[in-house]
PDB file of N, CA and C in Angstrom:
ATOM      1  N   UNK A   1     -34.849  33.776 -49.345  1.00  0.00           N
ATOM      2  CA  UNK A   1     -36.209  33.894 -48.912  1.00  0.00           C
ATOM      3  C   UNK A   1     -36.645  32.660 -48.137  1.00  0.00           C
ATOM      4  N   UNK A   2     -36.279  31.473 -48.656  1.00  0.00           N
ATOM      5  CA  UNK A   2     -36.695  30.240 -47.984  1.00  0.00           C
ATOM      6  C   UNK A   2     -36.009  30.110 -46.618  1.00  0.00           C
ATOM      7  N   UNK A   3     -34.820  30.682 -46.478  1.00  0.00           N
ATOM      8  CA  UNK A   3     -34.107  30.631 -45.212  1.00  0.00           C
ATOM      9  C   UNK A   3     -34.862  31.423 -44.152  1.00  0.00           C
ATOM     10  N   UNK A   4     -35.418  32.568 -44.527  1.00  0.00           N
ATOM     11  CA  UNK A   4     -36.184  33.374 -43.579  1.00  0.00           C
ATOM     12  C   UNK A   4     -37.465  32.657 -43.180  1.00  0.00           C
ATOM     13  N   UNK A   5     -38.064  31.947 -44.126  1.00  0.00           N
ATOM     14  CA  UNK A   5     -39.278  31.206 -43.799  1.00  0.00           C
ATOM     15  C   UNK A   5     -38.960  30.071 -42.822  1.00  0.00           C
ATOM     16  N   UNK A   6     -37.820  29.390 -43.040  1.00  0.00           N
ATOM     17  CA  UNK A   6     -37.401  28.313 -42.148  1.00  0.00           C
ATOM     18  C   UNK A   6     -37.128  28.840 -40.752  1.00  0.00           C
ATOM     19  N   UNK A   7     -36.503  29.998 -40.658  1.00  0.00           N
ATOM     20  CA  UNK A   7     -36.204  30.605 -39.369  1.00  0.00           C
ATOM     21  C   UNK A   7     -37.490  31.018 -38.682  1.00  0.00           C
ATOM     22  N   UNK A   8     -38.433  31.548 -39.426  1.00  0.00           N
ATOM     23  CA  UNK A   8     -39.718  31.942 -38.863  1.00  0.00           C
ATOM     24  C   UNK A   8     -40.482  30.735 -38.336  1.00  0.00           C
ATOM     25  N   UNK A   9     -40.429  29.639 -39.067  1.00  0.00           N
ATOM     26  CA  UNK A   9     -41.111  28.422 -38.613  1.00  0.00           C
ATOM     27  C   UNK A   9     -40.460  27.878 -37.345  1.00  0.00           C
ATOM     28  N   UNK A  10     -39.121  27.917 -37.313  1.00  0.00           N
ATOM     29  CA  UNK A  10     -38.410  27.444 -36.123  1.00  0.00           C
ATOM     30  C   UNK A  10     -38.786  28.272 -34.901  1.00  0.00           C
ATOM     31  N   UNK A  11     -38.874  29.599 -35.069  1.00  0.00           N
ATOM     32  CA  UNK A  11     -39.243  30.463 -33.949  1.00  0.00           C
ATOM     33  C   UNK A  11     -40.672  30.197 -33.506  1.00  0.00           C
ATOM     34  N   UNK A  12     -41.547  29.964 -34.446  1.00  0.00           N
ATOM     35  CA  UNK A  12     -42.943  29.677 -34.115  1.00  0.00           C
ATOM     36  C   UNK A  12     -43.032  28.359 -33.351  1.00  0.00           C
ATOM     37  N   UNK A  13     -42.327  27.330 -33.829  1.00  0.00           N
ATOM     38  CA  UNK A  13     -42.311  26.036 -33.150  1.00  0.00           C
ATOM     39  C   UNK A  13     -41.713  26.173 -31.756  1.00  0.00           C
ATOM     40  N   UNK A  14     -40.661  26.947 -31.637  1.00  0.00           N
ATOM     41  CA  UNK A  14     -40.017  27.181 -30.348  1.00  0.00           C
ATOM     42  C   UNK A  14     -40.990  27.847 -29.373  1.00  0.00           C
ATOM     43  N   UNK A  15     -41.683  28.864 -29.832  1.00  0.00           N
ATOM     44  CA  UNK A  15     -42.642  29.579 -28.976  1.00  0.00           C
ATOM     45  C   UNK A  15     -43.775  28.658 -28.533  1.00  0.00           C
ATOM     46  N   UNK A  16     -44.259  27.823 -29.445  1.00  0.00           N
ATOM     47  CA  UNK A  16     -45.338  26.892 -29.103  1.00  0.00           C
ATOM     48  C   UNK A  16     -44.867  25.902 -28.040  1.00  0.00           C
ATOM     49  N   UNK A  17     -43.646  25.379 -28.195  1.00  0.00           N
ATOM     50  CA  UNK A  17     -43.102  24.426 -27.217  1.00  0.00           C
ATOM     51  C   UNK A  17     -42.893  25.071 -25.851  1.00  0.00           C
ATOM     52  N   UNK A  18     -42.387  26.282 -25.828  1.00  0.00           N
ATOM     53  CA  UNK A  18     -42.164  26.977 -24.555  1.00  0.00           C
ATOM     54  C   UNK A  18     -43.489  27.212 -23.855  1.00  0.00           C
ATOM     55  N   UNK A  19     -44.490  27.679 -24.581  1.00  0.00           N
ATOM     56  CA  UNK A  19     -45.804  27.915 -23.979  1.00  0.00           C
ATOM     57  C   UNK A  19     -46.410  26.622 -23.457  1.00  0.00           C
ATOM     58  N   UNK A  20     -46.260  25.542 -24.211  1.00  0.00           N
ATOM     59  CA  UNK A  20     -46.811  24.255 -23.798  1.00  0.00           C
ATOM     60  C   UNK A  20     -46.138  23.764 -22.523  1.00  0.00           C
ATOM     61  N   UNK A  21     -44.812  23.888 -22.444  1.00  0.00           N
ATOM     62  CA  UNK A  21     -44.090  23.460 -21.247  1.00  0.00           C
ATOM     63  C   UNK A  21     -44.447  24.316 -20.041  1.00  0.00           C
ATOM     64  N   UNK A  22     -44.545  25.629 -20.232  1.00  0.00           N
ATOM     65  CA  UNK A  22     -44.917  26.499 -19.123  1.00  0.00           C
ATOM     66  C   UNK A  22     -46.315  26.163 -18.626  1.00  0.00           C
ATOM     67  N   UNK A  23     -47.232  25.877 -19.537  1.00  0.00           N
ATOM     68  CA  UNK A  23     -48.595  25.521 -19.164  1.00  0.00           C
ATOM     69  C   UNK A  23     -48.617  24.207 -18.389  1.00  0.00           C
ATOM     70  N   UNK A  24     -47.800  23.228 -18.824  1.00  0.00           N
ATOM     71  CA  UNK A  24     -47.790  21.942 -18.130  1.00  0.00           C
ATOM     72  C   UNK A  24     -47.151  22.065 -16.750  1.00  0.00           C
ATOM     73  N   UNK A  25     -46.168  22.956 -16.589  1.00  0.00           N
ATOM     74  CA  UNK A  25     -45.529  23.161 -15.293  1.00  0.00           C
ATOM     75  C   UNK A  25     -46.498  23.827 -14.321  1.00  0.00           C
ATOM     76  N   UNK A  26     -47.280  24.729 -14.809  1.00  0.00           N
ATOM     77  CA  UNK A  26     -48.240  25.427 -13.949  1.00  0.00           C
ATOM     78  C   UNK A  26     -49.287  24.482 -13.390  1.00  0.00           C
ATOM     79  N   UNK A  27     -49.570  23.404 -14.064  1.00  0.00           N
ATOM     80  CA  UNK A  27     -50.638  22.509 -13.649  1.00  0.00           C
ATOM     81  C   UNK A  27     -50.129  21.189 -13.068  1.00  0.00           C
ATOM     82  N   UNK A  28     -48.911  21.194 -12.514  1.00  0.00           N
ATOM     83  CA  UNK A  28     -48.388  19.992 -11.865  1.00  0.00           C
ATOM     84  C   UNK A  28     -48.999  19.855 -10.472  1.00  0.00           C
ATOM     85  N   UNK A  29     -49.181  18.614 -10.046  1.00  0.00           N
ATOM     86  CA  UNK A  29     -49.726  18.391  -8.709  1.00  0.00           C
ATOM     87  C   UNK A  29     -48.632  18.614  -7.658  1.00  0.00           C
ATOM     88  N   UNK A  30     -49.036  18.720  -6.404  1.00  0.00           N
ATOM     89  CA  UNK A  30     -48.124  19.050  -5.305  1.00  0.00           C
ATOM     90  C   UNK A  30     -47.075  17.958  -5.105  1.00  0.00           C
ATOM     91  N   UNK A  31     -47.440  16.705  -5.267  1.00  0.00           N
ATOM     92  CA  UNK A  31     -46.507  15.596  -5.097  1.00  0.00           C
ATOM     93  C   UNK A  31     -45.378  15.678  -6.114  1.00  0.00           C
ATOM     94  N   UNK A  32     -45.704  15.939  -7.367  1.00  0.00           N
ATOM     95  CA  UNK A  32     -44.690  16.039  -8.420  1.00  0.00           C
ATOM     96  C   UNK A  32     -43.790  17.249  -8.191  1.00  0.00           C
ATOM     97  N   UNK A  33     -44.385  18.372  -7.793  1.00  0.00           N
ATOM     98  CA  UNK A  33     -43.585  19.573  -7.506  1.00  0.00           C
ATOM     99  C   UNK A  33     -42.623  19.320  -6.345  1.00  0.00           C
ATOM    100  N   UNK A  34     -43.073  18.599  -5.335  1.00  0.00           N
ATOM    101  CA  UNK A  34     -42.220  18.292  -4.191  1.00  0.00           C
ATOM    102  C   UNK A  34     -41.058  17.396  -4.616  1.00  0.00           C
ATOM    103  N   UNK A  35     -41.328  16.382  -5.400  1.00  0.00           N
ATOM    104  CA  UNK A  35     -40.274  15.486  -5.867  1.00  0.00           C
ATOM    105  C   UNK A  35     -39.270  16.228  -6.751  1.00  0.00           C
ATOM    106  N   UNK A  36     -39.750  17.104  -7.616  1.00  0.00           N
ATOM    107  CA  UNK A  36     -38.848  17.888  -8.469  1.00  0.00           C
ATOM    108  C   UNK A  36     -37.971  18.811  -7.627  1.00  0.00           C
ATOM    109  N   UNK A  37     -38.571  19.410  -6.591  1.00  0.00           N
ATOM    110  CA  UNK A  37     -37.810  20.303  -5.725  1.00  0.00           C
ATOM    111  C   UNK A  37     -36.741  19.517  -4.955  1.00  0.00           C
ATOM    112  N   UNK A  38     -37.073  18.315  -4.470  1.00  0.00           N
ATOM    113  CA  UNK A  38     -36.091  17.480  -3.770  1.00  0.00           C
ATOM    114  C   UNK A  38     -34.962  17.052  -4.703  1.00  0.00           C
ATOM    115  N   UNK A  39     -35.306  16.697  -5.907  1.00  0.00           N
ATOM    116  CA  UNK A  39     -34.281  16.298  -6.887  1.00  0.00           C
ATOM    117  C   UNK A  39     -33.367  17.477  -7.213  1.00  0.00           C
ATOM    118  N   UNK A  40     -33.944  18.660  -7.312  1.00  0.00           N
ATOM    119  CA  UNK A  40     -33.148  19.869  -7.585  1.00  0.00           C
ATOM    120  C   UNK A  40     -32.157  20.116  -6.455  1.00  0.00           C
ATOM    121  N   UNK A  41     -32.624  19.991  -5.199  1.00  0.00           N
ATOM    122  CA  UNK A  41     -31.735  20.219  -4.057  1.00  0.00           C
ATOM    123  C   UNK A  41     -30.643  19.158  -3.967  1.00  0.00           C
ATOM    124  N   UNK A  42     -30.956  17.909  -4.273  1.00  0.00           N
ATOM    125  CA  UNK A  42     -29.928  16.862  -4.285  1.00  0.00           C
ATOM    126  C   UNK A  42     -28.871  17.157  -5.352  1.00  0.00           C
ATOM    127  N   UNK A  43     -29.318  17.597  -6.515  1.00  0.00           N
ATOM    128  CA  UNK A  43     -28.374  17.912  -7.598  1.00  0.00           C
ATOM    129  C   UNK A  43     -27.487  19.088  -7.208  1.00  0.00           C
ATOM    130  N   UNK A  44     -28.060  20.085  -6.559  1.00  0.00           N
ATOM    131  CA  UNK A  44     -27.252  21.232  -6.131  1.00  0.00           C
ATOM    132  C   UNK A  44     -26.259  20.834  -5.050  1.00  0.00           C
ATOM    133  N   UNK A  45     -26.664  19.961  -4.127  1.00  0.00           N
ATOM    134  CA  UNK A  45     -25.738  19.484  -3.097  1.00  0.00           C
ATOM    135  C   UNK A  45     -24.585  18.696  -3.706  1.00  0.00           C
ATOM    136  N   UNK A  46     -24.887  17.866  -4.684  1.00  0.00           N
ATOM    137  CA  UNK A  46     -23.839  17.094  -5.362  1.00  0.00           C
ATOM    138  C   UNK A  46     -22.865  18.017  -6.077  1.00  0.00           C
ATOM    139  N   UNK A  47     -23.379  19.075  -6.661  1.00  0.00           N
ATOM    140  CA  UNK A  47     -22.514  19.999  -7.402  1.00  0.00           C
ATOM    141  C   UNK A  47     -21.604  20.779  -6.462  1.00  0.00           C
ATOM    142  N   UNK A  48     -22.039  21.012  -5.236  1.00  0.00           N
ATOM    143  CA  UNK A  48     -21.239  21.783  -4.274  1.00  0.00           C
ATOM    144  C   UNK A  48     -20.156  20.948  -3.607  1.00  0.00           C
ATOM    145  N   UNK A  49     -20.336  19.641  -3.543  1.00  0.00           N
ATOM    146  CA  UNK A  49     -19.361  18.775  -2.887  1.00  0.00           C
ATOM    147  C   UNK A  49     -18.074  18.704  -3.698  1.00  0.00           C
ATOM    148  N   UNK A  50     -16.935  18.780  -3.002  1.00  0.00           N
ATOM    149  CA  UNK A  50     -15.677  18.609  -3.741  1.00  0.00           C
ATOM    150  C   UNK A  50     -15.524  17.153  -4.153  1.00  0.00           C
ATOM    151  N   UNK A  51     -15.143  16.950  -5.372  1.00  0.00           N
ATOM    152  CA  UNK A  51     -14.952  15.595  -5.882  1.00  0.00           C
ATOM    153  C   UNK A  51     -13.483  15.242  -5.844  1.00  0.00           C
ATOM    154  N   UNK A  52     -13.199  14.113  -5.238  1.00  0.00           N
ATOM    155  CA  UNK A  52     -11.805  13.675  -5.129  1.00  0.00           C
ATOM    156  C   UNK A  52     -11.241  13.289  -6.481  1.00  0.00           C
ATOM    157  N   UNK A  53     -12.029  12.574  -7.274  1.00  0.00           N
ATOM    158  CA  UNK A  53     -11.507  12.072  -8.541  1.00  0.00           C
ATOM    159  C   UNK A  53     -11.415  13.152  -9.601  1.00  0.00           C
ATOM    160  N   UNK A  54     -12.044  14.283  -9.385  1.00  0.00           N
ATOM    161  CA  UNK A  54     -11.973  15.348 -10.370  1.00  0.00           C
ATOM    162  C   UNK A  54     -10.949  16.404 -10.005  1.00  0.00           C
ATOM    163  N   UNK A  55     -10.327  16.252  -8.850  1.00  0.00           N
ATOM    164  CA  UNK A  55      -9.423  17.304  -8.386  1.00  0.00           C
ATOM    165  C   UNK A  55      -8.034  17.157  -9.004  1.00  0.00           C
ATOM    166  N   UNK A  56      -7.326  18.243  -8.996  1.00  0.00           N
ATOM    167  CA  UNK A  56      -5.949  18.248  -9.510  1.00  0.00           C
ATOM    168  C   UNK A  56      -5.014  17.515  -8.557  1.00  0.00           C
ATOM    169  N   UNK A  57      -5.371  17.474  -7.250  1.00  0.00           N
ATOM    170  CA  UNK A  57      -4.524  16.804  -6.270  1.00  0.00           C
ATOM    171  C   UNK A  57      -4.427  15.316  -6.546  1.00  0.00           C
ATOM    172  N   UNK A  58      -5.535  14.716  -6.938  1.00  0.00           N
ATOM    173  CA  UNK A  58      -5.503  13.283  -7.224  1.00  0.00           C
ATOM    174  C   UNK A  58      -4.622  12.993  -8.432  1.00  0.00           C
ATOM    175  N   UNK A  59      -4.716  13.831  -9.440  1.00  0.00           N
ATOM    176  CA  UNK A  59      -3.873  13.638 -10.626  1.00  0.00           C
ATOM    177  C   UNK A  59      -2.398  13.797 -10.279  1.00  0.00           C
ATOM    178  N   UNK A  60      -2.092  14.798  -9.449  1.00  0.00           N
ATOM    179  CA  UNK A  60      -0.700  15.026  -9.051  1.00  0.00           C
ATOM    180  C   UNK A  60      -0.180  13.869  -8.200  1.00  0.00           C
ATOM    181  N   UNK A  61      -1.002  13.373  -7.283  1.00  0.00           N
ATOM    182  CA  UNK A  61      -0.583  12.261  -6.436  1.00  0.00           C
ATOM    183  C   UNK A  61      -0.370  10.995  -7.259  1.00  0.00           C
ATOM    184  N   UNK A  62      -1.237  10.746  -8.227  1.00  0.00           N
ATOM    185  CA  UNK A  62      -1.086   9.576  -9.096  1.00  0.00           C
ATOM    186  C   UNK A  62       0.204   9.669  -9.889  1.00  0.00           C
ATOM    187  N   UNK A  63       0.489  10.839 -10.423  1.00  0.00           N
ATOM    188  CA  UNK A  63       1.726  11.038 -11.180  1.00  0.00           C
ATOM    189  C   UNK A  63       2.942  10.823 -10.287  1.00  0.00           C
ATOM    190  N   UNK A  64       2.890  11.335  -9.054  1.00  0.00           N
ATOM    191  CA  UNK A  64       4.026  11.189  -8.137  1.00  0.00           C
ATOM    192  C   UNK A  64       4.264   9.724  -7.791  1.00  0.00           C
ATOM    193  N   UNK A  65       3.198   8.969  -7.536  1.00  0.00           N
ATOM    194  CA  UNK A  65       3.341   7.553  -7.202  1.00  0.00           C
ATOM    195  C   UNK A  65       3.932   6.789  -8.384  1.00  0.00           C
ATOM    196  N   UNK A  66       3.442   7.075  -9.587  1.00  0.00           N
ATOM    197  CA  UNK A  66       3.988   6.405 -10.763  1.00  0.00           C
ATOM    198  C   UNK A  66       5.457   6.748 -10.977  1.00  0.00           C
ATOM    199  N   UNK A  67       5.806   8.005 -10.766  1.00  0.00           N
ATOM    200  CA  UNK A  67       7.189   8.432 -10.934  1.00  0.00           C
ATOM    201  C   UNK A  67       8.104   7.726  -9.932  1.00  0.00           C
ATOM    202  N   UNK A  68       7.688   7.657  -8.681  1.00  0.00           N
ATOM    203  CA  UNK A  68       8.493   6.984  -7.660  1.00  0.00           C
ATOM    204  C   UNK A  68       8.627   5.498  -7.985  1.00  0.00           C
ATOM    205  N   UNK A  69       7.544   4.889  -8.448  1.00  0.00           N
ATOM    206  CA  UNK A  69       7.588   3.468  -8.797  1.00  0.00           C
ATOM    207  C   UNK A  69       8.556   3.209  -9.947  1.00  0.00           C
ATOM    208  N   UNK A  70       8.507   4.047 -10.953  1.00  0.00           N
ATOM    209  CA  UNK A  70       9.414   3.874 -12.101  1.00  0.00           C
ATOM    210  C   UNK A  70      10.860   4.073 -11.681  1.00  0.00           C
ATOM    211  N   UNK A  71      11.126   5.092 -10.878  1.00  0.00           N
ATOM    212  CA  UNK A  71      12.511   5.351 -10.448  1.00  0.00           C
ATOM    213  C   UNK A  71      13.023   4.201  -9.581  1.00  0.00           C
ATOM    214  N   UNK A  72      12.189   3.718  -8.646  1.00  0.00           N
ATOM    215  CA  UNK A  72      12.617   2.589  -7.804  1.00  0.00           C
ATOM    216  C   UNK A  72      12.873   1.339  -8.638  1.00  0.00           C
ATOM    217  N   UNK A  73      12.009   1.067  -9.593  1.00  0.00           N
ATOM    218  CA  UNK A  73      12.221  -0.088 -10.468  1.00  0.00           C
ATOM    219  C   UNK A  73      13.488   0.041 -11.278  1.00  0.00           C
ATOM    220  N   UNK A  74      13.731   1.234 -11.779  1.00  0.00           N
ATOM    221  CA  UNK A  74      14.931   1.476 -12.572  1.00  0.00           C
ATOM    222  C   UNK A  74      16.186   1.289 -11.709  1.00  0.00           C
ATOM    223  N   UNK A  75      16.151   1.845 -10.505  1.00  0.00           N
ATOM    224  CA  UNK A  75      17.312   1.695  -9.626  1.00  0.00           C
ATOM    225  C   UNK A  75      17.509   0.245  -9.190  1.00  0.00           C
ATOM    226  N   UNK A  76      16.418  -0.459  -8.978  1.00  0.00           N
ATOM    227  CA  UNK A  76      16.515  -1.843  -8.551  1.00  0.00           C
ATOM    228  C   UNK A  76      17.151  -2.724  -9.622  1.00  0.00           C
ATOM    229  N   UNK A  77      16.752  -2.525 -10.869  1.00  0.00           N
ATOM    230  CA  UNK A  77      17.236  -3.404 -11.932  1.00  0.00           C
ATOM    231  C   UNK A  77      18.548  -2.950 -12.554  1.00  0.00           C
ATOM    232  N   UNK A  78      19.011  -1.745 -12.240  1.00  0.00           N
ATOM    233  CA  UNK A  78      20.286  -1.293 -12.801  1.00  0.00           C
ATOM    234  C   UNK A  78      21.393  -1.278 -11.758  1.00  0.00           C
ATOM    235  N   UNK A  79      21.143  -1.778 -10.564  1.00  0.00           N
ATOM    236  CA  UNK A  79      22.169  -1.814  -9.539  1.00  0.00           C
ATOM    237  C   UNK A  79      23.222  -2.839  -9.931  1.00  0.00           C
ATOM    238  N   UNK A  80      24.492  -2.454  -9.906  1.00  0.00           N
ATOM    239  CA  UNK A  80      25.520  -3.429 -10.287  1.00  0.00           C
ATOM    240  C   UNK A  80      25.602  -4.549  -9.246  1.00  0.00           C
ATOM    241  N   UNK A  81      25.889  -5.713  -9.748  1.00  0.00           N
ATOM    242  CA  UNK A  81      26.039  -6.861  -8.847  1.00  0.00           C
ATOM    243  C   UNK A  81      27.358  -6.738  -8.088  1.00  0.00           C
ATOM    244  N   UNK A  82      27.285  -6.924  -6.815  1.00  0.00           N
ATOM    245  CA  UNK A  82      28.487  -6.869  -5.992  1.00  0.00           C
ATOM    246  C   UNK A  82      29.127  -8.254  -6.027  1.00  0.00           C
ATOM    247  N   UNK A  83      30.384  -8.261  -6.424  1.00  0.00           N
ATOM    248  CA  UNK A  83      31.091  -9.542  -6.486  1.00  0.00           C
ATOM    249  C   UNK A  83      31.704  -9.823  -5.125  1.00  0.00           C
ATOM    250  N   UNK A  84      31.436 -10.987  -4.643  1.00  0.00           N
ATOM    251  CA  UNK A  84      31.989 -11.381  -3.360  1.00  0.00           C
ATOM    252  C   UNK A  84      33.344 -12.039  -3.593  1.00  0.00           C
ATOM    253  N   UNK A  85      34.296 -11.659  -2.760  1.00  0.00           N
ATOM    254  CA  UNK A  85      35.622 -12.260  -2.879  1.00  0.00           C
ATOM    255  C   UNK A  85      35.563 -13.708  -2.428  1.00  0.00           C
ATOM    256  N   UNK A  86      36.261 -14.484  -3.146  1.00  0.00           N
ATOM    257  CA  UNK A  86      36.352 -15.888  -2.797  1.00  0.00           C
ATOM    258  C   UNK A  86      37.379 -16.026  -1.678  1.00  0.00           C
ATOM    259  N   UNK A  87      36.954 -16.494  -0.525  1.00  0.00           N
ATOM    260  CA  UNK A  87      37.877 -16.611   0.615  1.00  0.00           C
ATOM    261  C   UNK A  87      38.891 -17.734   0.422  1.00  0.00           C
ATOM    262  N   UNK A  88      38.606 -18.638  -0.492  1.00  0.00           N
ATOM    263  CA  UNK A  88      39.568 -19.720  -0.757  1.00  0.00           C
ATOM    264  C   UNK A  88      40.881 -19.166  -1.292  1.00  0.00           C
ATOM    265  N   UNK A  89      40.796 -18.114  -2.107  1.00  0.00           N
ATOM    266  CA  UNK A  89      42.021 -17.525  -2.667  1.00  0.00           C
ATOM    267  C   UNK A  89      42.888 -16.935  -1.572  1.00  0.00           C
ATOM    268  N   UNK A  90      42.256 -16.257  -0.631  1.00  0.00           N
ATOM    269  CA  UNK A  90      43.031 -15.630   0.445  1.00  0.00           C
ATOM    270  C   UNK A  90      43.647 -16.703   1.340  1.00  0.00           C
ATOM    271  N   UNK A  91      42.859 -17.732   1.635  1.00  0.00           N
ATOM    272  CA  UNK A  91      43.397 -18.821   2.463  1.00  0.00           C
ATOM    273  C   UNK A  91      44.561 -19.512   1.770  1.00  0.00           C
ATOM    274  N   UNK A  92      44.469 -19.647   0.450  1.00  0.00           N
ATOM    275  CA  UNK A  92      45.554 -20.279  -0.297  1.00  0.00           C
ATOM    276  C   UNK A  92      46.808 -19.416  -0.242  1.00  0.00           C
ATOM    277  N   UNK A  93      46.627 -18.115  -0.358  1.00  0.00           N
ATOM    278  CA  UNK A  93      47.776 -17.210  -0.285  1.00  0.00           C
ATOM    279  C   UNK A  93      48.414 -17.232   1.103  1.00  0.00           C
ATOM    280  N   UNK A  94      47.565 -17.249   2.130  1.00  0.00           N
ATOM    281  CA  UNK A  94      48.102 -17.273   3.490  1.00  0.00           C
ATOM    282  C   UNK A  94      48.772 -18.610   3.814  1.00  0.00           C
ATOM    283  N   UNK A  95      48.265 -19.670   3.240  1.00  0.00           N
ATOM    284  CA  UNK A  95      48.848 -20.988   3.512  1.00  0.00           C
ATOM    285  C   UNK A  95      50.252 -21.094   2.932  1.00  0.00           C
ATOM    286  N   UNK A  96      50.520 -20.405   1.814  1.00  0.00           N
ATOM    287  CA  UNK A  96      51.851 -20.444   1.206  1.00  0.00           C
ATOM    288  C   UNK A  96      52.844 -19.614   2.005  1.00  0.00           C
ATOM    289  N   UNK A  97      52.374 -18.776   2.847  1.00  0.00           N
ATOM    290  CA  UNK A  97      53.201 -17.908   3.672  1.00  0.00           C
ATOM    291  C   UNK A  97      54.200 -17.114   2.847  1.00  0.00           C
ATOM    292  N   UNK A  98      53.787 -16.689   1.684  1.00  0.00           N
ATOM    293  CA  UNK A  98      54.636 -15.862   0.836  1.00  0.00           C
ATOM    294  C   UNK A  98      54.370 -14.405   1.219  1.00  0.00           C
ATOM    295  N   UNK A  99      55.143 -13.887   2.196  1.00  0.00           N
ATOM    296  CA  UNK A  99      54.882 -12.561   2.738  1.00  0.00           C
ATOM    297  C   UNK A  99      55.212 -11.448   1.757  1.00  0.00           C
ATOM    298  N   UNK A 100      56.132 -11.685   0.864  1.00  0.00           N
ATOM    299  CA  UNK A 100      56.428 -10.653  -0.134  1.00  0.00           C
ATOM    300  C   UNK A 100      55.215 -10.403  -1.009  1.00  0.00           C
ATOM    301  N   UNK A 101      54.508 -11.477  -1.336  1.00  0.00           N
ATOM    302  CA  UNK A 101      53.310 -11.347  -2.156  1.00  0.00           C
ATOM    303  C   UNK A 101      52.208 -10.634  -1.387  1.00  0.00           C
ATOM    304  N   UNK A 102      52.141 -10.898  -0.079  1.00  0.00           N
ATOM    305  CA  UNK A 102      51.115 -10.242   0.736  1.00  0.00           C
ATOM    306  C   UNK A 102      51.387  -8.749   0.864  1.00  0.00           C
ATOM    307  N   UNK A 103      52.635  -8.354   0.766  1.00  0.00           N
ATOM    308  CA  UNK A 103      52.957  -6.934   0.861  1.00  0.00           C
ATOM    309  C   UNK A 103      52.464  -6.187  -0.376  1.00  0.00           C
ATOM    310  N   UNK A 104      52.331  -6.861  -1.449  1.00  0.00           N
ATOM    311  CA  UNK A 104      51.844  -6.252  -2.671  1.00  0.00           C
ATOM    312  C   UNK A 104      50.325  -6.495  -2.783  1.00  0.00           C
ATOM    313  N   UNK A 105      49.557  -5.852  -1.921  1.00  0.00           N
ATOM    314  CA  UNK A 105      48.112  -6.077  -1.879  1.00  0.00           C
ATOM    315  C   UNK A 105      47.417  -5.667  -3.178  1.00  0.00           C
ATOM    316  N   UNK A 106      47.920  -4.653  -3.824  1.00  0.00           N
ATOM    317  CA  UNK A 106      47.321  -4.248  -5.096  1.00  0.00           C
ATOM    318  C   UNK A 106      47.454  -5.359  -6.125  1.00  0.00           C
ATOM    319  N   UNK A 107      48.605  -5.995  -6.126  1.00  0.00           N
ATOM    320  CA  UNK A 107      48.827  -7.088  -7.057  1.00  0.00           C
ATOM    321  C   UNK A 107      47.902  -8.268  -6.736  1.00  0.00           C
ATOM    322  N   UNK A 108      47.701  -8.551  -5.466  1.00  0.00           N
ATOM    323  CA  UNK A 108      46.826  -9.642  -5.046  1.00  0.00           C
ATOM    324  C   UNK A 108      45.385  -9.331  -5.442  1.00  0.00           C
ATOM    325  N   UNK A 109      44.963  -8.089  -5.215  1.00  0.00           N
ATOM    326  CA  UNK A 109      43.607  -7.694  -5.588  1.00  0.00           C
ATOM    327  C   UNK A 109      43.412  -7.822  -7.094  1.00  0.00           C
ATOM    328  N   UNK A 110      44.456  -7.433  -7.865  1.00  0.00           N
ATOM    329  CA  UNK A 110      44.376  -7.557  -9.324  1.00  0.00           C
ATOM    330  C   UNK A 110      44.273  -9.021  -9.742  1.00  0.00           C
ATOM    331  N   UNK A 111      45.023  -9.881  -9.085  1.00  0.00           N
ATOM    332  CA  UNK A 111      44.978 -11.301  -9.407  1.00  0.00           C
ATOM    333  C   UNK A 111      43.591 -11.881  -9.134  1.00  0.00           C
ATOM    334  N   UNK A 112      43.004 -11.493  -8.026  1.00  0.00           N
ATOM    335  CA  UNK A 112      41.676 -12.002  -7.686  1.00  0.00           C
ATOM    336  C   UNK A 112      40.634 -11.507  -8.693  1.00  0.00           C
ATOM    337  N   UNK A 113      40.746 -10.239  -9.070  1.00  0.00           N
ATOM    338  CA  UNK A 113      39.801  -9.690 -10.055  1.00  0.00           C
ATOM    339  C   UNK A 113      39.953 -10.384 -11.395  1.00  0.00           C
ATOM    340  N   UNK A 114      41.199 -10.671 -11.794  1.00  0.00           N
ATOM    341  CA  UNK A 114      41.427 -11.356 -13.054  1.00  0.00           C
ATOM    342  C   UNK A 114      40.856 -12.766 -13.031  1.00  0.00           C
ATOM    343  N   UNK A 115      40.958 -13.406 -11.890  1.00  0.00           N
ATOM    344  CA  UNK A 115      40.442 -14.761 -11.774  1.00  0.00           C
ATOM    345  C   UNK A 115      38.914 -14.746 -11.854  1.00  0.00           C
ATOM    346  N   UNK A 116      38.293 -13.774 -11.237  1.00  0.00           N
ATOM    347  CA  UNK A 116      36.835 -13.678 -11.286  1.00  0.00           C
ATOM    348  C   UNK A 116      36.331 -13.249 -12.661  1.00  0.00           C
ATOM    349  N   UNK A 117      37.133 -12.495 -13.364  1.00  0.00           N
ATOM    350  CA  UNK A 117      36.735 -12.020 -14.683  1.00  0.00           C
ATOM    351  C   UNK A 117      36.746 -13.157 -15.713  1.00  0.00           C
ATOM    352  N   UNK A 118      37.623 -14.118 -15.504  1.00  0.00           N
ATOM    353  CA  UNK A 118      37.718 -15.210 -16.497  1.00  0.00           C
ATOM    354  C   UNK A 118      36.802 -16.339 -16.209  1.00  0.00           C
TER     355      UNK A 118
END
């Protein structure tokens, strides 16, 4: 029973507020009505404009840029270091004029790699 009384009071209060607001709107001066109408049109224009920051394209572009940045960083820091051959070793081999050793290029390459590894 008390719930119905509460609902009835709420409806009565609601009706009184609506009537009061309608009465106050009817008696607004021309300057206030003009300003309200201008504000309404500005709000409608803002709502019709496409927003860049709210669009899905901006989110997709941001994700793509981040993805490219992460991949480039990953590739940059995981690139193996290229070992440069020491030309002193080759000059030393050529100075000895040991042509049999030069014919075994695989063996020479292995020797150079072993020297760089240690």
